[in-house]
Amino acid sequence: MTDNNRPKERRLHPRYAIDGDIKLGVGKEGAALLVNLSMSGLACLSPVAFDEMAILEITMELPLGEAREAFKAGGAVVRCEGPGDGEDRHRVAIFFTHMDDRNRGVLERFLAERGDTRDA
């Protein structure tokens, strides 16, 4: 049976559950904890709240084989949920708005290596 009240899935790319440290912005924004990642964006936990549509620079290192590759992209905040009871971080969803070819290749290779860790 189909639930007609459920919002239609809008994601274009599968997301993968991944833990890791990332950096949001170049100023006070600082460090965040990666929750999941896809070719089109990411979710993370941040001690800082962001306004929707805030533009951020995202940087992190992604493990590829035995090495680590730097990754950098621009993104827009599409959702920021406040901390729940007993939590001290905001859940932030970011859509990638800019990524050059080198960084796109790094992300594609990284996600291809983790094809079995899809997030529901």
N, C-alpha and C. Protein backbone atom coordinates (compact mmCIF):
# COMPACT_ATOMS: atom_id res chain seq x y z
N MET A 1 0.84 -1.17 0.00
CA MET A 1 0.00 0.00 0.00
C MET A 1 0.89 1.24 0.00
N THR A 2 0.54 2.23 -0.78
CA THR A 2 1.31 3.46 -0.88
C THR A 2 0.74 4.51 0.05
N ASP A 3 1.61 5.19 0.76
CA ASP A 3 1.20 6.28 1.64
C ASP A 3 1.24 7.58 0.85
N ASN A 4 0.07 8.09 0.44
CA ASN A 4 0.01 9.30 -0.37
C ASN A 4 0.36 10.55 0.41
N ASN A 5 0.40 10.47 1.73
CA ASN A 5 0.73 11.63 2.56
C ASN A 5 2.22 11.77 2.77
N ARG A 6 2.98 10.77 2.41
CA ARG A 6 4.43 10.81 2.58
C ARG A 6 5.05 11.66 1.48
N PRO A 7 5.96 12.59 1.85
CA PRO A 7 6.60 13.41 0.80
C PRO A 7 7.41 12.54 -0.14
N LYS A 8 7.40 12.90 -1.41
CA LYS A 8 8.16 12.18 -2.42
C LYS A 8 9.65 12.38 -2.19
N GLU A 9 10.41 11.33 -2.32
CA GLU A 9 11.86 11.41 -2.18
C GLU A 9 12.40 12.31 -3.28
N ARG A 10 13.16 13.34 -2.88
CA ARG A 10 13.66 14.31 -3.86
C ARG A 10 15.14 14.15 -4.13
N ARG A 11 15.81 13.28 -3.43
CA ARG A 11 17.25 13.14 -3.62
C ARG A 11 17.57 12.54 -4.99
N LEU A 12 18.56 13.13 -5.65
CA LEU A 12 18.99 12.63 -6.95
C LEU A 12 20.08 11.58 -6.82
N HIS A 13 20.79 11.60 -5.69
CA HIS A 13 21.92 10.70 -5.48
C HIS A 13 21.77 9.96 -4.16
N PRO A 14 22.18 8.69 -4.13
CA PRO A 14 22.13 7.97 -2.85
C PRO A 14 23.08 8.61 -1.85
N ARG A 15 22.72 8.55 -0.59
CA ARG A 15 23.60 9.08 0.45
C ARG A 15 24.20 7.91 1.21
N TYR A 16 25.38 8.15 1.76
CA TYR A 16 26.13 7.11 2.43
C TYR A 16 26.43 7.55 3.86
N ALA A 17 26.15 6.68 4.81
CA ALA A 17 26.44 6.97 6.22
C ALA A 17 27.95 6.97 6.40
N ILE A 18 28.48 8.10 6.81
CA ILE A 18 29.93 8.26 6.96
C ILE A 18 30.20 9.14 8.16
N ASP A 19 31.07 8.69 9.03
CA ASP A 19 31.50 9.51 10.16
C ASP A 19 32.82 10.16 9.81
N GLY A 20 32.99 11.39 10.17
CA GLY A 20 34.25 12.07 9.93
C GLY A 20 34.15 13.54 10.29
N ASP A 21 35.29 14.15 10.39
CA ASP A 21 35.35 15.57 10.71
C ASP A 21 35.37 16.39 9.43
N ILE A 22 34.63 17.49 9.43
CA ILE A 22 34.64 18.42 8.31
C ILE A 22 34.76 19.83 8.86
N LYS A 23 35.10 20.75 7.98
CA LYS A 23 35.17 22.15 8.36
C LYS A 23 34.17 22.92 7.51
N LEU A 24 33.35 23.71 8.18
CA LEU A 24 32.35 24.52 7.50
C LEU A 24 32.78 25.96 7.55
N GLY A 25 32.92 26.60 6.40
CA GLY A 25 33.26 28.00 6.35
C GLY A 25 34.74 28.27 6.58
N VAL A 26 35.05 29.53 6.58
CA VAL A 26 36.45 29.94 6.77
C VAL A 26 36.59 30.85 7.98
N GLY A 27 35.50 31.03 8.71
CA GLY A 27 35.54 31.91 9.88
C GLY A 27 35.12 31.18 11.13
N LYS A 28 34.17 31.76 11.85
CA LYS A 28 33.74 31.24 13.13
C LYS A 28 33.01 29.90 13.04
N GLU A 29 32.57 29.52 11.84
CA GLU A 29 31.75 28.33 11.70
C GLU A 29 32.46 27.09 12.23
N GLY A 30 33.66 26.84 11.77
CA GLY A 30 34.51 25.80 12.32
C GLY A 30 34.12 24.38 12.05
N ALA A 31 34.52 23.52 12.96
CA ALA A 31 34.42 22.08 12.80
C ALA A 31 33.00 21.57 12.98
N ALA A 32 32.71 20.47 12.28
CA ALA A 32 31.43 19.78 12.40
C ALA A 32 31.71 18.28 12.22
N LEU A 33 30.72 17.47 12.55
CA LEU A 33 30.84 16.02 12.43
C LEU A 33 29.96 15.55 11.28
N LEU A 34 30.57 14.94 10.28
CA LEU A 34 29.85 14.44 9.12
C LEU A 34 28.95 13.27 9.53
N VAL A 35 27.72 13.26 9.02
CA VAL A 35 26.76 12.18 9.28
C VAL A 35 26.56 11.34 8.03
N ASN A 36 26.28 12.01 6.90
CA ASN A 36 26.17 11.28 5.64
C ASN A 36 26.58 12.19 4.49
N LEU A 37 26.85 11.56 3.35
CA LEU A 37 27.44 12.26 2.22
C LEU A 37 26.92 11.65 0.92
N SER A 38 26.70 12.52 -0.08
CA SER A 38 26.32 12.05 -1.41
C SER A 38 26.98 12.98 -2.43
N MET A 39 26.77 12.70 -3.70
CA MET A 39 27.32 13.56 -4.74
C MET A 39 26.65 14.93 -4.73
N SER A 40 25.49 15.06 -4.13
CA SER A 40 24.80 16.34 -4.16
C SER A 40 24.81 17.10 -2.84
N GLY A 41 25.31 16.50 -1.76
CA GLY A 41 25.33 17.23 -0.50
C GLY A 41 25.70 16.35 0.67
N LEU A 42 25.46 16.89 1.86
CA LEU A 42 25.83 16.18 3.08
C LEU A 42 24.93 16.60 4.24
N ALA A 43 24.97 15.81 5.29
CA ALA A 43 24.36 16.16 6.57
C ALA A 43 25.47 16.10 7.60
N CYS A 44 25.42 17.03 8.55
CA CYS A 44 26.43 17.06 9.60
C CYS A 44 25.83 17.58 10.90
N LEU A 45 26.59 17.42 11.97
CA LEU A 45 26.23 17.95 13.27
C LEU A 45 27.19 19.08 13.59
N SER A 46 26.64 20.25 13.87
CA SER A 46 27.45 21.44 14.10
C SER A 46 27.06 22.13 15.40
N PRO A 47 28.04 22.63 16.14
CA PRO A 47 27.71 23.40 17.34
C PRO A 47 27.12 24.78 17.00
N VAL A 48 27.23 25.17 15.73
CA VAL A 48 26.76 26.48 15.26
C VAL A 48 25.49 26.30 14.44
N ALA A 49 24.49 27.16 14.69
CA ALA A 49 23.27 27.16 13.88
C ALA A 49 23.49 28.03 12.64
N PHE A 50 22.89 27.64 11.53
CA PHE A 50 23.01 28.40 10.28
C PHE A 50 21.63 28.74 9.76
N ASP A 51 21.52 29.91 9.13
CA ASP A 51 20.28 30.28 8.45
C ASP A 51 20.14 29.45 7.18
N GLU A 52 18.90 29.13 6.81
CA GLU A 52 18.68 28.46 5.53
C GLU A 52 19.20 29.34 4.41
N MET A 53 19.80 28.71 3.43
CA MET A 53 20.39 29.33 2.24
C MET A 53 21.72 30.03 2.53
N ALA A 54 22.25 29.90 3.75
CA ALA A 54 23.59 30.42 4.02
C ALA A 54 24.57 29.68 3.12
N ILE A 55 25.53 30.40 2.55
CA ILE A 55 26.52 29.80 1.67
C ILE A 55 27.79 29.51 2.49
N LEU A 56 28.27 28.29 2.38
CA LEU A 56 29.44 27.86 3.16
C LEU A 56 30.48 27.21 2.26
N GLU A 57 31.70 27.28 2.69
CA GLU A 57 32.78 26.50 2.08
C GLU A 57 32.94 25.25 2.93
N ILE A 58 32.99 24.09 2.28
CA ILE A 58 33.11 22.82 2.98
C ILE A 58 34.48 22.22 2.64
N THR A 59 35.24 21.86 3.66
CA THR A 59 36.52 21.19 3.43
C THR A 59 36.61 19.97 4.34
N MET A 60 37.25 18.93 3.82
CA MET A 60 37.49 17.71 4.59
C MET A 60 38.53 16.88 3.87
N GLU A 61 39.02 15.88 4.56
CA GLU A 61 39.92 14.90 3.95
C GLU A 61 39.17 13.59 3.85
N LEU A 62 39.21 12.99 2.66
CA LEU A 62 38.53 11.72 2.42
C LEU A 62 39.55 10.62 2.21
N PRO A 63 39.41 9.51 2.93
CA PRO A 63 40.34 8.39 2.72
C PRO A 63 40.06 7.69 1.40
N LEU A 64 41.10 7.57 0.57
CA LEU A 64 41.01 6.86 -0.70
C LEU A 64 42.13 5.83 -0.72
N GLY A 65 41.76 4.57 -0.62
CA GLY A 65 42.77 3.53 -0.52
C GLY A 65 43.59 3.74 0.74
N GLU A 66 44.91 3.81 0.59
CA GLU A 66 45.80 4.02 1.72
C GLU A 66 46.09 5.50 1.97
N ALA A 67 45.62 6.37 1.09
CA ALA A 67 45.93 7.80 1.19
C ALA A 67 44.70 8.59 1.64
N ARG A 68 44.90 9.85 1.90
CA ARG A 68 43.82 10.79 2.21
C ARG A 68 43.88 11.91 1.18
N GLU A 69 42.72 12.26 0.63
CA GLU A 69 42.62 13.30 -0.39
C GLU A 69 41.83 14.48 0.16
N ALA A 70 42.35 15.68 -0.07
CA ALA A 70 41.63 16.89 0.32
C ALA A 70 40.41 17.05 -0.59
N PHE A 71 39.29 17.48 0.00
CA PHE A 71 38.05 17.73 -0.73
C PHE A 71 37.55 19.11 -0.33
N LYS A 72 37.10 19.87 -1.32
CA LYS A 72 36.58 21.21 -1.07
C LYS A 72 35.42 21.48 -2.02
N ALA A 73 34.35 22.07 -1.48
CA ALA A 73 33.18 22.41 -2.29
C ALA A 73 32.46 23.59 -1.65
N GLY A 74 31.62 24.23 -2.43
CA GLY A 74 30.73 25.25 -1.91
C GLY A 74 29.36 24.65 -1.71
N GLY A 75 28.63 25.15 -0.72
CA GLY A 75 27.31 24.60 -0.48
C GLY A 75 26.37 25.61 0.15
N ALA A 76 25.08 25.30 0.05
CA ALA A 76 24.04 26.13 0.65
C ALA A 76 23.30 25.31 1.70
N VAL A 77 23.04 25.90 2.84
CA VAL A 77 22.30 25.24 3.91
C VAL A 77 20.84 25.14 3.47
N VAL A 78 20.32 23.92 3.44
CA VAL A 78 18.92 23.73 3.07
C VAL A 78 18.05 23.44 4.29
N ARG A 79 18.69 23.06 5.40
CA ARG A 79 17.94 22.79 6.63
C ARG A 79 18.89 22.87 7.81
N CYS A 80 18.42 23.43 8.90
CA CYS A 80 19.18 23.44 10.15
C CYS A 80 18.18 23.23 11.28
N GLU A 81 18.31 22.09 11.94
CA GLU A 81 17.41 21.74 13.04
C GLU A 81 18.15 21.93 14.35
N GLY A 82 17.49 22.55 15.30
CA GLY A 82 18.11 22.80 16.60
C GLY A 82 18.37 21.52 17.36
N PRO A 83 19.25 21.61 18.35
CA PRO A 83 19.54 20.43 19.16
C PRO A 83 18.29 19.93 19.88
N GLY A 84 18.17 18.63 19.97
CA GLY A 84 17.08 18.03 20.74
C GLY A 84 17.47 17.93 22.20
N ASP A 85 16.62 17.33 22.99
CA ASP A 85 16.91 17.15 24.41
C ASP A 85 18.20 16.38 24.60
N GLY A 86 19.06 16.90 25.43
CA GLY A 86 20.32 16.21 25.73
C GLY A 86 21.36 16.31 24.64
N GLU A 87 21.09 17.05 23.58
CA GLU A 87 22.06 17.20 22.49
C GLU A 87 22.62 18.62 22.51
N ASP A 88 23.82 18.77 21.97
CA ASP A 88 24.43 20.10 21.94
C ASP A 88 24.81 20.54 20.52
N ARG A 89 24.36 19.80 19.51
CA ARG A 89 24.70 20.15 18.13
C ARG A 89 23.46 20.25 17.27
N HIS A 90 23.55 21.11 16.27
CA HIS A 90 22.49 21.29 15.29
C HIS A 90 22.71 20.31 14.14
N ARG A 91 21.62 19.76 13.62
CA ARG A 91 21.71 18.90 12.43
C ARG A 91 21.54 19.80 11.22
N VAL A 92 22.57 19.83 10.37
CA VAL A 92 22.61 20.75 9.23
C VAL A 92 22.67 19.93 7.94
N ALA A 93 21.80 20.27 6.98
CA ALA A 93 21.82 19.65 5.66
C ALA A 93 22.31 20.69 4.66
N ILE A 94 23.28 20.30 3.85
CA ILE A 94 23.91 21.21 2.90
C ILE A 94 23.87 20.61 1.50
N PHE A 95 23.44 21.43 0.54
CA PHE A 95 23.41 21.05 -0.87
C PHE A 95 24.65 21.65 -1.54
N PHE A 96 25.42 20.83 -2.25
CA PHE A 96 26.59 21.35 -2.93
C PHE A 96 26.18 22.27 -4.08
N THR A 97 26.72 23.48 -4.09
CA THR A 97 26.42 24.44 -5.15
C THR A 97 27.58 24.63 -6.10
N HIS A 98 28.78 24.27 -5.67
CA HIS A 98 29.96 24.41 -6.52
C HIS A 98 30.99 23.35 -6.14
N MET A 99 31.52 22.70 -7.19
CA MET A 99 32.57 21.70 -7.00
C MET A 99 33.34 21.61 -8.31
N ASP A 100 34.65 21.80 -8.27
CA ASP A 100 35.41 21.70 -9.51
C ASP A 100 35.62 20.24 -9.88
N ASP A 101 36.16 20.01 -11.07
CA ASP A 101 36.32 18.65 -11.60
C ASP A 101 37.20 17.78 -10.71
N ARG A 102 38.29 18.33 -10.19
CA ARG A 102 39.18 17.55 -9.33
C ARG A 102 38.45 17.06 -8.08
N ASN A 103 37.72 17.96 -7.43
CA ASN A 103 37.01 17.58 -6.21
C ASN A 103 35.85 16.64 -6.51
N ARG A 104 35.19 16.82 -7.66
CA ARG A 104 34.13 15.90 -8.06
C ARG A 104 34.70 14.48 -8.22
N GLY A 105 35.88 14.39 -8.82
CA GLY A 105 36.52 13.08 -8.99
C GLY A 105 36.89 12.45 -7.66
N VAL A 106 37.40 13.23 -6.73
CA VAL A 106 37.72 12.72 -5.39
C VAL A 106 36.47 12.16 -4.73
N LEU A 107 35.38 12.92 -4.77
CA LEU A 107 34.14 12.48 -4.14
C LEU A 107 33.57 11.24 -4.83
N GLU A 108 33.60 11.19 -6.16
CA GLU A 108 33.12 10.02 -6.88
C GLU A 108 33.89 8.77 -6.51
N ARG A 109 35.22 8.88 -6.46
CA ARG A 109 36.04 7.72 -6.09
C ARG A 109 35.79 7.29 -4.65
N PHE A 110 35.68 8.26 -3.76
CA PHE A 110 35.42 7.95 -2.36
C PHE A 110 34.09 7.22 -2.19
N LEU A 111 33.03 7.72 -2.80
CA LEU A 111 31.72 7.08 -2.67
C LEU A 111 31.68 5.72 -3.35
N ALA A 112 32.40 5.57 -4.46
CA ALA A 112 32.44 4.28 -5.15
C ALA A 112 33.07 3.21 -4.26
N GLU A 113 34.07 3.59 -3.47
CA GLU A 113 34.71 2.65 -2.55
C GLU A 113 33.79 2.25 -1.41
N ARG A 114 32.76 3.04 -1.14
CA ARG A 114 31.86 2.79 -0.02
C ARG A 114 30.45 2.43 -0.49
N GLY A 115 30.33 1.79 -1.61
CA GLY A 115 29.04 1.48 -2.19
C GLY A 115 28.16 0.62 -1.34
N ASP A 116 28.69 -0.01 -0.31
CA ASP A 116 27.87 -0.89 0.53
C ASP A 116 27.41 -0.22 1.82
N THR A 117 27.62 1.09 1.94
CA THR A 117 27.25 1.75 3.20
C THR A 117 26.16 2.78 2.98
N ARG A 118 25.21 2.48 2.11
CA ARG A 118 24.11 3.42 1.86
C ARG A 118 23.31 3.68 3.12
N ASP A 119 22.89 4.93 3.24
CA ASP A 119 22.06 5.39 4.36
C ASP A 119 20.61 5.38 3.87
N ALA A 120 19.71 4.86 4.66
CA ALA A 120 18.29 4.81 4.27
C ALA A 120 17.64 6.16 4.29
